[in-house]
């Protein structure tokens, strides 16, 4: 997306744009919407540089959903067993008979960010005065 926005405003080679992004950004924080319509941080990744023309990312944290036994039992009863928490079923909404798509679970999504990697490039944090 960043590459596309730069390309709309300037006539630069894609390799130069990627190089600028990889050298200017240290961390990406990905925020997404879950099936309960809440927004959460889904991942945090470190930008390590360029590799074969692409930006090399190193995962630091990832959102892991906590699935309880109650959710699994409810999915088995509704026929969504095996589809996991993203299984969908069609329900009638009563207003003209139009079908709506509803997620298999309507409860709040529980989970947490789990560390999956260590920050490798700490020199910028040290230069900014952080003690590591």
C-alpha atoms as a PDB file:
ATOM      1  CA  UNK A   1       0.000   0.000   0.000  1.00  0.00           C
ATOM      2  CA  UNK A   2       2.840   2.379   0.797  1.00  0.00           C
ATOM      3  CA  UNK A   3       4.465   1.569  -2.525  1.00  0.00           C
ATOM      4  CA  UNK A   4       1.227   2.321  -4.386  1.00  0.00           C
ATOM      5  CA  UNK A   5       0.801   5.685  -2.677  1.00  0.00           C
ATOM      6  CA  UNK A   6       4.357   6.733  -3.556  1.00  0.00           C
ATOM      7  CA  UNK A   7       3.891   5.582  -7.161  1.00  0.00           C
ATOM      8  CA  UNK A   8       0.767   7.765  -7.467  1.00  0.00           C
ATOM      9  CA  UNK A   9       2.727  10.865  -6.458  1.00  0.00           C
ATOM     10  CA  UNK A  10       6.145  10.316  -8.019  1.00  0.00           C
ATOM     11  CA  UNK A  11       7.666   8.615 -11.022  1.00  0.00           C
ATOM     12  CA  UNK A  12      10.329   6.526  -9.271  1.00  0.00           C
ATOM     13  CA  UNK A  13      11.523   2.966  -9.871  1.00  0.00           C
ATOM     14  CA  UNK A  14       9.877   0.397  -7.595  1.00  0.00           C
ATOM     15  CA  UNK A  15      13.262  -0.822  -6.325  1.00  0.00           C
ATOM     16  CA  UNK A  16      14.108   2.702  -5.118  1.00  0.00           C
ATOM     17  CA  UNK A  17      10.739   3.022  -3.356  1.00  0.00           C
ATOM     18  CA  UNK A  18      11.181  -0.311  -1.581  1.00  0.00           C
ATOM     19  CA  UNK A  19      14.692   0.646  -0.541  1.00  0.00           C
ATOM     20  CA  UNK A  20      13.410   3.921   0.950  1.00  0.00           C
ATOM     21  CA  UNK A  21      10.593   2.148   2.828  1.00  0.00           C
ATOM     22  CA  UNK A  22      12.935  -0.543   4.179  1.00  0.00           C
ATOM     23  CA  UNK A  23      15.433   2.063   5.395  1.00  0.00           C
ATOM     24  CA  UNK A  24      12.841   4.493   6.848  1.00  0.00           C
ATOM     25  CA  UNK A  25      10.513   2.128   8.727  1.00  0.00           C
ATOM     26  CA  UNK A  26      11.715  -0.032  11.610  1.00  0.00           C
ATOM     27  CA  UNK A  27       8.496  -1.669  12.857  1.00  0.00           C
ATOM     28  CA  UNK A  28       5.090  -2.431  11.318  1.00  0.00           C
ATOM     29  CA  UNK A  29       2.095  -2.827  13.618  1.00  0.00           C
ATOM     30  CA  UNK A  30      -0.805  -4.578  11.891  1.00  0.00           C
ATOM     31  CA  UNK A  31      -4.248  -3.742  13.281  1.00  0.00           C
ATOM     32  CA  UNK A  32      -7.203  -5.714  11.944  1.00  0.00           C
ATOM     33  CA  UNK A  33     -10.883  -6.286  12.562  1.00  0.00           C
ATOM     34  CA  UNK A  34     -11.925  -9.587  14.130  1.00  0.00           C
ATOM     35  CA  UNK A  35     -15.185 -11.445  13.597  1.00  0.00           C
ATOM     36  CA  UNK A  36     -16.755  -9.759  16.653  1.00  0.00           C
ATOM     37  CA  UNK A  37     -16.092  -6.438  14.837  1.00  0.00           C
ATOM     38  CA  UNK A  38     -13.468  -5.351  17.371  1.00  0.00           C
ATOM     39  CA  UNK A  39     -10.100  -4.043  16.252  1.00  0.00           C
ATOM     40  CA  UNK A  40      -6.967  -5.595  17.701  1.00  0.00           C
ATOM     41  CA  UNK A  41      -3.264  -5.602  17.084  1.00  0.00           C
ATOM     42  CA  UNK A  42      -2.750  -8.790  15.073  1.00  0.00           C
ATOM     43  CA  UNK A  43       1.005  -8.676  14.588  1.00  0.00           C
ATOM     44  CA  UNK A  44       4.125  -6.634  15.142  1.00  0.00           C
ATOM     45  CA  UNK A  45       7.014  -7.188  12.723  1.00  0.00           C
ATOM     46  CA  UNK A  46      10.486  -5.737  12.401  1.00  0.00           C
ATOM     47  CA  UNK A  47      11.697  -4.506   9.018  1.00  0.00           C
ATOM     48  CA  UNK A  48      15.112  -6.097   8.458  1.00  0.00           C
ATOM     49  CA  UNK A  49      15.910  -4.717   5.017  1.00  0.00           C
ATOM     50  CA  UNK A  50      15.706  -5.891   1.417  1.00  0.00           C
ATOM     51  CA  UNK A  51      16.131  -9.411   0.105  1.00  0.00           C
ATOM     52  CA  UNK A  52      15.898 -10.225  -3.612  1.00  0.00           C
ATOM     53  CA  UNK A  53      13.882  -7.082  -4.320  1.00  0.00           C
ATOM     54  CA  UNK A  54      11.357  -7.572  -1.486  1.00  0.00           C
ATOM     55  CA  UNK A  55      11.150  -6.126   2.003  1.00  0.00           C
ATOM     56  CA  UNK A  56      12.305  -8.684   4.574  1.00  0.00           C
ATOM     57  CA  UNK A  57      10.120  -8.833   7.699  1.00  0.00           C
ATOM     58  CA  UNK A  58      10.903 -10.495  11.023  1.00  0.00           C
ATOM     59  CA  UNK A  59       7.844 -11.374  13.196  1.00  0.00           C
ATOM     60  CA  UNK A  60       8.041 -10.217  16.819  1.00  0.00           C
ATOM     61  CA  UNK A  61       4.484 -10.661  18.137  1.00  0.00           C
ATOM     62  CA  UNK A  62       1.365 -12.384  16.771  1.00  0.00           C
ATOM     63  CA  UNK A  63      -2.214 -12.417  18.032  1.00  0.00           C
ATOM     64  CA  UNK A  64      -3.284 -15.872  19.161  1.00  0.00           C
ATOM     65  CA  UNK A  65      -6.953 -16.475  19.777  1.00  0.00           C
ATOM     66  CA  UNK A  66      -7.965 -18.354  22.889  1.00  0.00           C
ATOM     67  CA  UNK A  67     -10.675 -20.856  21.949  1.00  0.00           C
ATOM     68  CA  UNK A  68     -12.690 -22.157  24.894  1.00  0.00           C
ATOM     69  CA  UNK A  69     -14.455 -25.520  25.134  1.00  0.00           C
ATOM     70  CA  UNK A  70     -17.814 -23.674  25.126  1.00  0.00           C
ATOM     71  CA  UNK A  71     -17.161 -22.187  21.670  1.00  0.00           C
ATOM     72  CA  UNK A  72     -16.111 -25.580  20.301  1.00  0.00           C
ATOM     73  CA  UNK A  73     -19.296 -27.221  21.668  1.00  0.00           C
ATOM     74  CA  UNK A  74     -21.504 -24.490  20.177  1.00  0.00           C
ATOM     75  CA  UNK A  75     -19.825 -24.909  16.765  1.00  0.00           C
ATOM     76  CA  UNK A  76     -20.409 -28.672  16.888  1.00  0.00           C
ATOM     77  CA  UNK A  77     -24.134 -28.103  17.586  1.00  0.00           C
ATOM     78  CA  UNK A  78     -24.517 -25.593  14.734  1.00  0.00           C
ATOM     79  CA  UNK A  79     -22.683 -27.766  12.246  1.00  0.00           C
ATOM     80  CA  UNK A  80     -19.567 -25.626  12.135  1.00  0.00           C
ATOM     81  CA  UNK A  81     -17.285 -28.189  13.751  1.00  0.00           C
ATOM     82  CA  UNK A  82     -14.037 -28.506  11.892  1.00  0.00           C
ATOM     83  CA  UNK A  83     -14.470 -25.058  10.330  1.00  0.00           C
ATOM     84  CA  UNK A  84     -12.812 -23.381  13.278  1.00  0.00           C
ATOM     85  CA  UNK A  85     -13.690 -19.977  14.576  1.00  0.00           C
ATOM     86  CA  UNK A  86     -14.020 -18.472  11.106  1.00  0.00           C
ATOM     87  CA  UNK A  87     -16.814 -20.805  10.002  1.00  0.00           C
ATOM     88  CA  UNK A  88     -19.887 -18.997   8.694  1.00  0.00           C
ATOM     89  CA  UNK A  89     -23.501 -20.000   8.502  1.00  0.00           C
ATOM     90  CA  UNK A  90     -26.411 -18.404   6.706  1.00  0.00           C
ATOM     91  CA  UNK A  91     -29.374 -17.263   8.768  1.00  0.00           C
ATOM     92  CA  UNK A  92     -32.657 -15.640   7.784  1.00  0.00           C
ATOM     93  CA  UNK A  93     -33.196 -12.197   9.234  1.00  0.00           C
ATOM     94  CA  UNK A  94     -36.970 -12.113   8.891  1.00  0.00           C
ATOM     95  CA  UNK A  95     -37.013  -8.855   6.923  1.00  0.00           C
ATOM     96  CA  UNK A  96     -38.124  -9.915   3.471  1.00  0.00           C
ATOM     97  CA  UNK A  97     -36.283 -13.205   3.755  1.00  0.00           C
ATOM     98  CA  UNK A  98     -32.905 -11.804   2.797  1.00  0.00           C
ATOM     99  CA  UNK A  99     -30.097 -13.967   4.108  1.00  0.00           C
ATOM    100  CA  UNK A 100     -27.376 -12.484   6.252  1.00  0.00           C
ATOM    101  CA  UNK A 101     -24.008 -13.994   6.953  1.00  0.00           C
ATOM    102  CA  UNK A 102     -23.198 -14.415  10.569  1.00  0.00           C
ATOM    103  CA  UNK A 103     -20.024 -15.762  12.044  1.00  0.00           C
ATOM    104  CA  UNK A 104     -20.123 -19.101  13.845  1.00  0.00           C
ATOM    105  CA  UNK A 105     -19.431 -17.423  17.173  1.00  0.00           C
ATOM    106  CA  UNK A 106     -21.005 -14.135  18.219  1.00  0.00           C
ATOM    107  CA  UNK A 107     -19.127 -13.848  21.512  1.00  0.00           C
ATOM    108  CA  UNK A 108     -16.246 -11.524  22.100  1.00  0.00           C
ATOM    109  CA  UNK A 109     -13.000 -12.843  20.641  1.00  0.00           C
ATOM    110  CA  UNK A 110     -10.495 -13.502  23.401  1.00  0.00           C
ATOM    111  CA  UNK A 111      -6.780 -13.710  22.811  1.00  0.00           C
ATOM    112  CA  UNK A 112      -3.452 -12.062  23.353  1.00  0.00           C
ATOM    113  CA  UNK A 113      -0.265 -11.022  21.633  1.00  0.00           C
ATOM    114  CA  UNK A 114       2.358 -13.729  21.948  1.00  0.00           C
ATOM    115  CA  UNK A 115       6.037 -13.066  21.419  1.00  0.00           C
ATOM    116  CA  UNK A 116       7.369 -15.152  18.535  1.00  0.00           C
ATOM    117  CA  UNK A 117      10.722 -13.458  17.957  1.00  0.00           C
ATOM    118  CA  UNK A 118      13.325 -11.097  19.370  1.00  0.00           C
ATOM    119  CA  UNK A 119      14.105  -7.615  18.119  1.00  0.00           C
ATOM    120  CA  UNK A 120      17.358  -7.897  16.170  1.00  0.00           C
ATOM    121  CA  UNK A 121      18.232  -4.307  15.226  1.00  0.00           C
ATOM    122  CA  UNK A 122      18.579  -2.551  18.575  1.00  0.00           C
ATOM    123  CA  UNK A 123      21.117   0.082  17.539  1.00  0.00           C
ATOM    124  CA  UNK A 124      18.426   2.667  16.687  1.00  0.00           C
ATOM    125  CA  UNK A 125      16.864   2.239  20.124  1.00  0.00           C
ATOM    126  CA  UNK A 126      20.254   2.705  21.767  1.00  0.00           C
ATOM    127  CA  UNK A 127      20.899   5.809  19.641  1.00  0.00           C
ATOM    128  CA  UNK A 128      17.530   7.209  20.815  1.00  0.00           C
ATOM    129  CA  UNK A 129      18.669   6.827  24.453  1.00  0.00           C
ATOM    130  CA  UNK A 130      16.914   3.575  25.439  1.00  0.00           C
ATOM    131  CA  UNK A 131      18.882   1.248  27.709  1.00  0.00           C
ATOM    132  CA  UNK A 132      18.568  -2.367  26.573  1.00  0.00           C
END
